[in-house]
Amino acid sequence: MTGRLTRRPGGPARLRELLRSGQTIVAPGAFDPLAARLVEEAGFSAVYMTGFGTSAALLGRPDVGLLTMTEMADNAGRIAACVDIPVIADADTGYGNPLNVIRTVGAYEAAGVAGIHIEDQVAPKKCGHMEGKLVIGAEEMAQKIAAAVDARTNPDFVIIARTDARAVEGLPAALDRARRYRDAGADALFIEALTSEAEIEAAAAAFPGIPLLFNWAEGGKTPPLRLGRLAELGYRIVIFPIATLLAATAAMRRVLAEIAREGTPAAVLGELPTFGEFTDFIGLPGIREIEQRYIARDPAAGQPDRPPG
């Protein structure tokens, strides 16, 4: 323990290094800081703050544009503060016009994330794998991407342009939009809700050498390709947005059903971390070390000094 209770700085630079390395960045989703710490513990090089999961965790409601920019940026900041790996965060539509996008970029940069993706949906947006989406004009979105690029104070901060046009206008239009967003300055492209392996291949072929993000949406519209195949095609970032959320839901249902049936969770405790294992994982030993380092003690009484009065 170093005496630090916040992230190691430099997330944008480390995400840039990963993008330059040629490896495929695998970023499982996290809906809160605990999930992010588990992603880091598992050895992943980056974590993705899921908007779907954030809405579910903070509101208990679906991802249909109910959260504000400040709520999303606050959650991103809490996640970024507890891990030393770069955080890629969902920034929805940028929360308005180019002026709003400028404020959004500033808020997410201040939150300590390494990069964000902004999409071209009409507000209020919907999860990319839900029906009934609408998209704004391509030129309007290109202006928002240009504003995001100009607004960042750290040139390493990664701007990812997402298009949801595949479900609205078809694949050729979605690819054309992605080209326009790249021309506007986007660092990486995210073509959402592709519906076949042929479309996944076509999207990769359309942008050789340009970082592409693949959304391995658990149960969504996009077919679940192997990670190795995605890497072969050239996808540079692969997110698994809601696996942790679904797993947490299943586990909580299991233990709650046991309590409802038997009156205690005793029968399933063997499947769970012990209290001691869990407190070790969330950093209690390090906290105790910090306490010992900084809390002054009265040598005579062996107790922490108390202020007068």
Protein backbone atom coordinates (compact mmCIF):
# COMPACT_ATOMS: atom_id res chain seq x y z
CA MET A 1 0.00 0.00 0.00
CA THR A 2 1.44 3.34 -1.05
CA GLY A 3 -0.74 5.64 1.01
CA ARG A 4 -2.85 6.33 -2.07
CA LEU A 5 -6.62 5.91 -2.16
CA THR A 6 -7.09 7.16 -5.71
CA ARG A 7 -6.04 6.06 -9.16
CA ARG A 8 -2.57 6.20 -10.63
CA PRO A 9 -2.61 9.15 -13.06
CA GLY A 10 -1.96 8.83 -16.76
CA GLY A 11 -4.90 6.70 -17.91
CA PRO A 12 -5.23 8.41 -21.32
CA ALA A 13 -1.53 7.92 -22.08
CA ARG A 14 -1.73 4.25 -21.10
CA LEU A 15 -4.80 3.72 -23.28
CA ARG A 16 -2.93 5.33 -26.19
CA GLU A 17 0.00 3.02 -25.57
CA LEU A 18 -2.32 0.02 -25.69
CA LEU A 19 -3.83 1.23 -28.97
CA ARG A 20 -0.35 1.68 -30.46
CA SER A 21 0.80 -1.73 -29.26
CA GLY A 22 -1.20 -3.65 -31.84
CA GLN A 23 -2.88 -5.86 -29.27
CA THR A 24 -6.64 -6.16 -28.95
CA ILE A 25 -7.78 -4.40 -25.79
CA VAL A 26 -10.34 -6.47 -23.88
CA ALA A 27 -12.40 -4.25 -21.57
CA PRO A 28 -15.14 -5.98 -19.58
CA GLY A 29 -17.94 -3.76 -18.36
CA ALA A 30 -18.24 -2.37 -14.86
CA PHE A 31 -21.32 -0.70 -13.45
CA ASP A 32 -19.72 0.41 -10.19
CA PRO A 33 -16.28 0.63 -8.54
CA LEU A 34 -16.50 -2.85 -7.01
CA ALA A 35 -17.08 -4.41 -10.41
CA ALA A 36 -14.19 -2.36 -11.80
CA ARG A 37 -11.86 -3.68 -9.11
CA LEU A 38 -12.87 -7.21 -9.99
CA VAL A 39 -12.09 -6.52 -13.65
CA GLU A 40 -8.67 -5.25 -12.65
CA GLU A 41 -8.07 -8.20 -10.31
CA ALA A 42 -8.81 -10.57 -13.20
CA GLY A 43 -5.88 -9.08 -15.10
CA PHE A 44 -7.55 -7.07 -17.85
CA SER A 45 -5.69 -4.09 -19.27
CA ALA A 46 -8.73 -1.78 -19.35
CA VAL A 47 -12.27 -1.51 -18.00
CA TYR A 48 -15.41 -0.21 -19.68
CA MET A 49 -17.98 1.84 -17.78
CA THR A 50 -21.26 0.59 -19.19
CA GLY A 51 -24.14 3.03 -19.57
CA PHE A 52 -26.64 0.17 -19.56
CA GLY A 53 -25.19 -1.11 -16.30
CA THR A 54 -24.91 2.35 -14.79
CA SER A 55 -28.59 2.99 -15.41
CA ALA A 56 -29.48 -0.39 -13.93
CA ALA A 57 -27.25 0.12 -10.87
CA LEU A 58 -28.05 3.77 -10.11
CA LEU A 59 -31.74 3.83 -11.06
CA GLY A 60 -32.81 0.22 -11.34
CA ARG A 61 -34.16 1.22 -14.76
CA PRO A 62 -33.34 0.46 -18.41
CA ASP A 63 -30.88 2.39 -20.55
CA VAL A 64 -33.32 4.78 -22.24
CA GLY A 65 -31.68 8.14 -21.59
CA LEU A 66 -32.83 8.66 -18.00
CA LEU A 67 -29.40 9.51 -16.57
CA THR A 68 -27.90 12.98 -16.80
CA MET A 69 -24.36 13.81 -17.85
CA THR A 70 -23.30 14.62 -14.29
CA GLU A 71 -24.67 11.30 -12.99
CA MET A 72 -22.77 9.38 -15.66
CA ALA A 73 -19.55 11.36 -15.18
CA ASP A 74 -19.79 10.95 -11.40
CA ASN A 75 -20.03 7.19 -11.75
CA ALA A 76 -17.14 7.20 -14.21
CA GLY A 77 -15.08 9.18 -11.71
CA ARG A 78 -15.78 6.76 -8.88
CA ILE A 79 -14.74 3.87 -11.10
CA ALA A 80 -11.60 5.62 -12.34
CA ALA A 81 -10.61 6.53 -8.78
CA CYS A 82 -10.40 2.92 -7.61
CA VAL A 83 -8.43 1.21 -10.39
CA ASP A 84 -5.04 1.66 -11.99
CA ILE A 85 -6.10 0.47 -15.44
CA PRO A 86 -7.54 2.87 -18.06
CA VAL A 87 -11.30 3.43 -18.02
CA ILE A 88 -13.26 3.75 -21.27
CA ALA A 89 -16.63 5.31 -20.52
CA ASP A 90 -20.00 5.59 -22.19
CA ALA A 91 -20.90 9.26 -22.74
CA ASP A 92 -24.19 8.59 -24.54
CA THR A 93 -24.99 11.35 -27.06
CA GLY A 94 -22.69 13.91 -25.45
CA TYR A 95 -25.86 15.24 -23.79
CA GLY A 96 -26.78 17.89 -26.32
CA ASN A 97 -25.29 20.08 -29.02
CA PRO A 98 -21.57 20.81 -29.54
CA LEU A 99 -21.53 23.19 -26.58
CA ASN A 100 -22.89 20.44 -24.34
CA VAL A 101 -20.33 18.03 -25.79
CA ILE A 102 -17.55 20.44 -24.82
CA ARG A 103 -18.78 20.41 -21.23
CA THR A 104 -19.16 16.63 -21.32
CA VAL A 105 -15.56 16.12 -22.42
CA GLY A 106 -14.35 18.40 -19.64
CA ALA A 107 -16.39 16.54 -17.03
CA TYR A 108 -15.16 13.11 -18.12
CA GLU A 109 -11.56 14.28 -18.37
CA ALA A 110 -11.82 15.70 -14.85
CA ALA A 111 -13.30 12.39 -13.72
CA GLY A 112 -10.06 10.66 -14.71
CA VAL A 113 -11.26 8.38 -17.48
CA ALA A 114 -9.01 7.58 -20.43
CA GLY A 115 -11.54 7.88 -23.20
CA ILE A 116 -15.24 8.12 -24.05
CA HIS A 117 -17.58 7.16 -26.83
CA ILE A 118 -20.27 9.49 -28.13
CA GLU A 119 -23.13 8.27 -30.31
CA ASP A 120 -25.31 9.79 -33.02
CA GLN A 121 -28.71 8.91 -31.58
CA VAL A 122 -31.51 11.40 -31.07
CA ALA A 123 -31.98 12.23 -27.40
CA PRO A 124 -33.31 10.62 -25.32
CA LYS A 125 -31.18 7.73 -26.54
CA LYS A 126 -31.75 4.00 -26.10
CA CYS A 127 -29.45 1.04 -25.57
CA GLY A 128 -27.89 0.25 -28.93
CA HIS A 129 -29.51 -3.20 -29.00
CA MET A 130 -33.06 -1.99 -28.32
CA GLU A 131 -35.68 -1.25 -30.95
CA GLY A 132 -36.96 2.22 -31.85
CA LYS A 133 -33.69 4.15 -32.16
CA LEU A 134 -33.42 7.37 -34.16
CA VAL A 135 -30.27 9.14 -35.35
CA ILE A 136 -29.38 12.78 -35.86
CA GLY A 137 -27.96 14.08 -39.13
CA ALA A 138 -24.46 12.96 -40.02
CA GLU A 139 -23.16 16.52 -40.34
CA GLU A 140 -24.53 17.46 -36.94
CA MET A 141 -22.79 14.47 -35.40
CA ALA A 142 -19.54 15.28 -37.19
CA GLN A 143 -19.67 18.73 -35.64
CA LYS A 144 -20.14 17.16 -32.20
CA ILE A 145 -17.10 14.94 -32.74
CA ALA A 146 -15.04 17.94 -33.88
CA ALA A 147 -16.13 19.81 -30.75
CA ALA A 148 -15.14 16.85 -28.55
CA VAL A 149 -11.71 16.67 -30.14
CA ASP A 150 -11.15 20.42 -29.75
CA ALA A 151 -12.41 20.40 -26.15
CA ARG A 152 -10.00 17.89 -24.67
CA THR A 153 -7.11 19.36 -22.71
CA ASN A 154 -5.08 16.14 -22.82
CA PRO A 155 -4.26 15.12 -26.40
CA ASP A 156 -4.07 11.48 -25.28
CA PHE A 157 -7.73 11.49 -24.18
CA VAL A 158 -9.40 9.08 -26.63
CA ILE A 159 -12.54 10.15 -28.51
CA ILE A 160 -14.51 7.21 -29.93
CA ALA A 161 -17.30 8.01 -32.39
CA ARG A 162 -20.22 5.60 -32.29
CA THR A 163 -22.89 5.32 -34.95
CA ASP A 164 -26.23 3.62 -34.37
CA ALA A 165 -27.27 4.13 -37.99
CA ARG A 166 -27.08 0.43 -38.93
CA ALA A 167 -30.50 -0.20 -37.39
CA VAL A 168 -32.02 2.95 -38.88
CA GLU A 169 -30.42 3.57 -42.28
CA GLY A 170 -28.60 0.32 -43.08
CA LEU A 171 -24.97 -0.73 -43.13
CA PRO A 172 -23.69 1.39 -46.07
CA ALA A 173 -25.02 4.55 -44.45
CA ALA A 174 -23.51 3.55 -41.11
CA LEU A 175 -20.11 3.04 -42.73
CA ASP A 176 -20.39 6.39 -44.51
CA ARG A 177 -21.21 8.08 -41.22
CA ALA A 178 -18.24 6.42 -39.55
CA ARG A 179 -15.94 7.81 -42.30
CA ARG A 180 -17.29 11.30 -41.71
CA TYR A 181 -16.76 11.00 -37.98
CA ARG A 182 -13.21 9.80 -38.55
CA ASP A 183 -12.61 12.80 -40.82
CA ALA A 184 -13.94 15.03 -38.01
CA GLY A 185 -11.12 13.78 -35.78
CA ALA A 186 -12.37 10.69 -33.95
CA ASP A 187 -9.55 8.48 -32.69
CA ALA A 188 -11.56 5.25 -32.98
CA LEU A 189 -14.87 4.12 -34.46
CA PHE A 190 -17.72 2.11 -32.96
CA ILE A 191 -20.29 0.78 -35.45
CA GLU A 192 -23.07 -0.44 -33.19
CA ALA A 193 -25.47 -3.39 -33.54
CA LEU A 194 -24.03 -5.19 -36.57
CA THR A 195 -26.26 -8.16 -37.22
CA SER A 196 -24.12 -10.80 -38.96
CA GLU A 197 -20.55 -11.98 -39.27
CA ALA A 198 -20.54 -10.67 -42.83
CA GLU A 199 -21.38 -7.18 -41.55
CA ILE A 200 -18.69 -7.42 -38.89
CA GLU A 201 -16.17 -8.34 -41.59
CA ALA A 202 -17.39 -5.56 -43.90
CA ALA A 203 -17.02 -2.94 -41.19
CA ALA A 204 -13.47 -4.07 -40.47
CA ALA A 205 -12.58 -4.10 -44.17
CA ALA A 206 -13.90 -0.57 -44.59
CA PHE A 207 -11.45 0.86 -42.06
CA PRO A 208 -8.06 -0.83 -42.36
CA GLY A 209 -5.57 0.52 -39.86
CA ILE A 210 -8.19 2.55 -37.97
CA PRO A 211 -8.95 1.47 -34.39
CA LEU A 212 -12.40 -0.12 -34.22
CA LEU A 213 -14.42 -0.96 -31.12
CA PHE A 214 -16.51 -4.14 -31.10
CA ASN A 215 -19.44 -4.40 -28.71
CA TRP A 216 -19.75 -8.04 -27.63
CA ALA A 217 -23.22 -7.26 -26.33
CA GLU A 218 -24.32 -10.23 -24.25
CA GLY A 219 -27.63 -11.34 -25.74
CA GLY A 220 -27.78 -8.41 -28.16
CA LYS A 221 -28.23 -8.17 -31.93
CA THR A 222 -24.57 -8.77 -32.81
CA PRO A 223 -23.43 -12.40 -33.18
CA PRO A 224 -20.93 -13.57 -30.54
CA LEU A 225 -17.68 -14.01 -32.47
CA ARG A 226 -14.59 -15.48 -30.85
CA LEU A 227 -12.10 -12.96 -29.55
CA GLY A 228 -9.40 -14.44 -31.78
CA ARG A 229 -11.53 -13.91 -34.87
CA LEU A 230 -12.20 -10.28 -33.92
CA ALA A 231 -8.47 -9.73 -33.47
CA GLU A 232 -7.82 -11.28 -36.90
CA LEU A 233 -10.29 -8.86 -38.44
CA GLY A 234 -8.51 -5.94 -36.83
CA TYR A 235 -10.84 -4.89 -34.04
CA ARG A 236 -8.68 -3.09 -31.47
CA ILE A 237 -11.10 -2.73 -28.54
CA VAL A 238 -13.61 -5.38 -27.48
CA ILE A 239 -16.05 -4.55 -24.71
CA PHE A 240 -18.21 -7.02 -22.80
CA PRO A 241 -20.62 -4.48 -21.32
CA ILE A 242 -23.03 -6.39 -19.12
CA ALA A 243 -21.54 -9.79 -18.25
CA THR A 244 -20.67 -8.60 -14.74
CA LEU A 245 -24.12 -7.05 -14.30
CA LEU A 246 -25.92 -10.22 -15.35
CA ALA A 247 -23.64 -12.38 -13.19
CA ALA A 248 -24.19 -10.16 -10.15
CA THR A 249 -27.95 -10.28 -10.70
CA ALA A 250 -27.95 -14.07 -10.89
CA ALA A 251 -25.80 -14.43 -7.76
CA MET A 252 -27.94 -12.02 -5.73
CA ARG A 253 -31.12 -13.80 -6.80
CA ARG A 254 -29.60 -17.09 -5.67
CA VAL A 255 -28.71 -15.93 -2.17
CA LEU A 256 -31.95 -13.99 -1.72
CA ALA A 257 -34.00 -17.02 -2.73
CA GLU A 258 -32.11 -19.07 -0.12
CA ILE A 259 -32.86 -16.51 2.60
CA ALA A 260 -36.52 -16.39 1.58
CA ARG A 261 -36.77 -20.19 1.60
CA GLU A 262 -34.67 -21.09 4.65
CA GLY A 263 -34.49 -17.92 6.69
CA THR A 264 -30.68 -17.64 6.42
CA PRO A 265 -28.06 -17.77 3.64
CA ALA A 266 -26.11 -20.46 5.53
CA ALA A 267 -26.48 -23.13 2.83
CA VAL A 268 -24.83 -20.98 0.16
CA LEU A 269 -22.12 -19.28 2.22
CA GLY A 270 -19.60 -21.85 1.01
CA GLU A 271 -20.05 -20.45 -2.52
CA LEU A 272 -19.25 -16.91 -1.39
CA PRO A 273 -16.08 -15.10 -0.34
CA THR A 274 -15.65 -15.04 3.42
CA PHE A 275 -15.98 -11.74 5.25
CA GLY A 276 -12.21 -11.65 5.72
CA GLU A 277 -11.48 -12.45 2.08
CA PHE A 278 -13.80 -9.71 0.95
CA THR A 279 -12.42 -7.04 3.27
CA ASP A 280 -8.91 -7.97 2.15
CA PHE A 281 -9.99 -7.57 -1.48
CA ILE A 282 -11.48 -4.10 -0.98
CA GLY A 283 -8.31 -2.94 0.75
CA LEU A 284 -8.80 -3.10 4.51
CA PRO A 285 -5.19 -4.20 5.22
CA GLY A 286 -3.90 -1.18 3.35
CA ILE A 287 -6.29 1.12 5.20
CA ARG A 288 -5.02 -0.23 8.52
CA GLU A 289 -1.45 0.35 7.39
CA ILE A 290 -2.30 3.96 6.57
CA GLU A 291 -3.97 4.40 9.95
CA GLN A 292 -0.88 3.14 11.72
CA ARG A 293 1.32 5.45 9.68
CA TYR A 294 -0.57 8.66 10.29
CA ILE A 295 -2.55 8.36 13.53
CA ALA A 296 -0.51 9.83 16.41
CA ARG A 297 -0.53 7.82 19.59
CA ASP A 298 -0.11 8.73 23.21
CA PRO A 299 2.94 6.67 24.31
CA ALA A 300 1.67 6.41 27.89
CA ALA A 301 -1.86 5.29 27.13
CA GLY A 302 -1.22 3.46 23.88
CA GLN A 303 -4.25 5.22 22.42
CA PRO A 304 -4.61 7.78 19.65
CA ASP A 305 -4.23 11.33 20.89
CA ARG A 306 -7.49 13.17 21.44
CA PRO A 307 -7.88 16.89 20.77
CA PRO A 308 -8.49 19.04 23.88
CA GLY A 309 -12.03 19.94 24.82
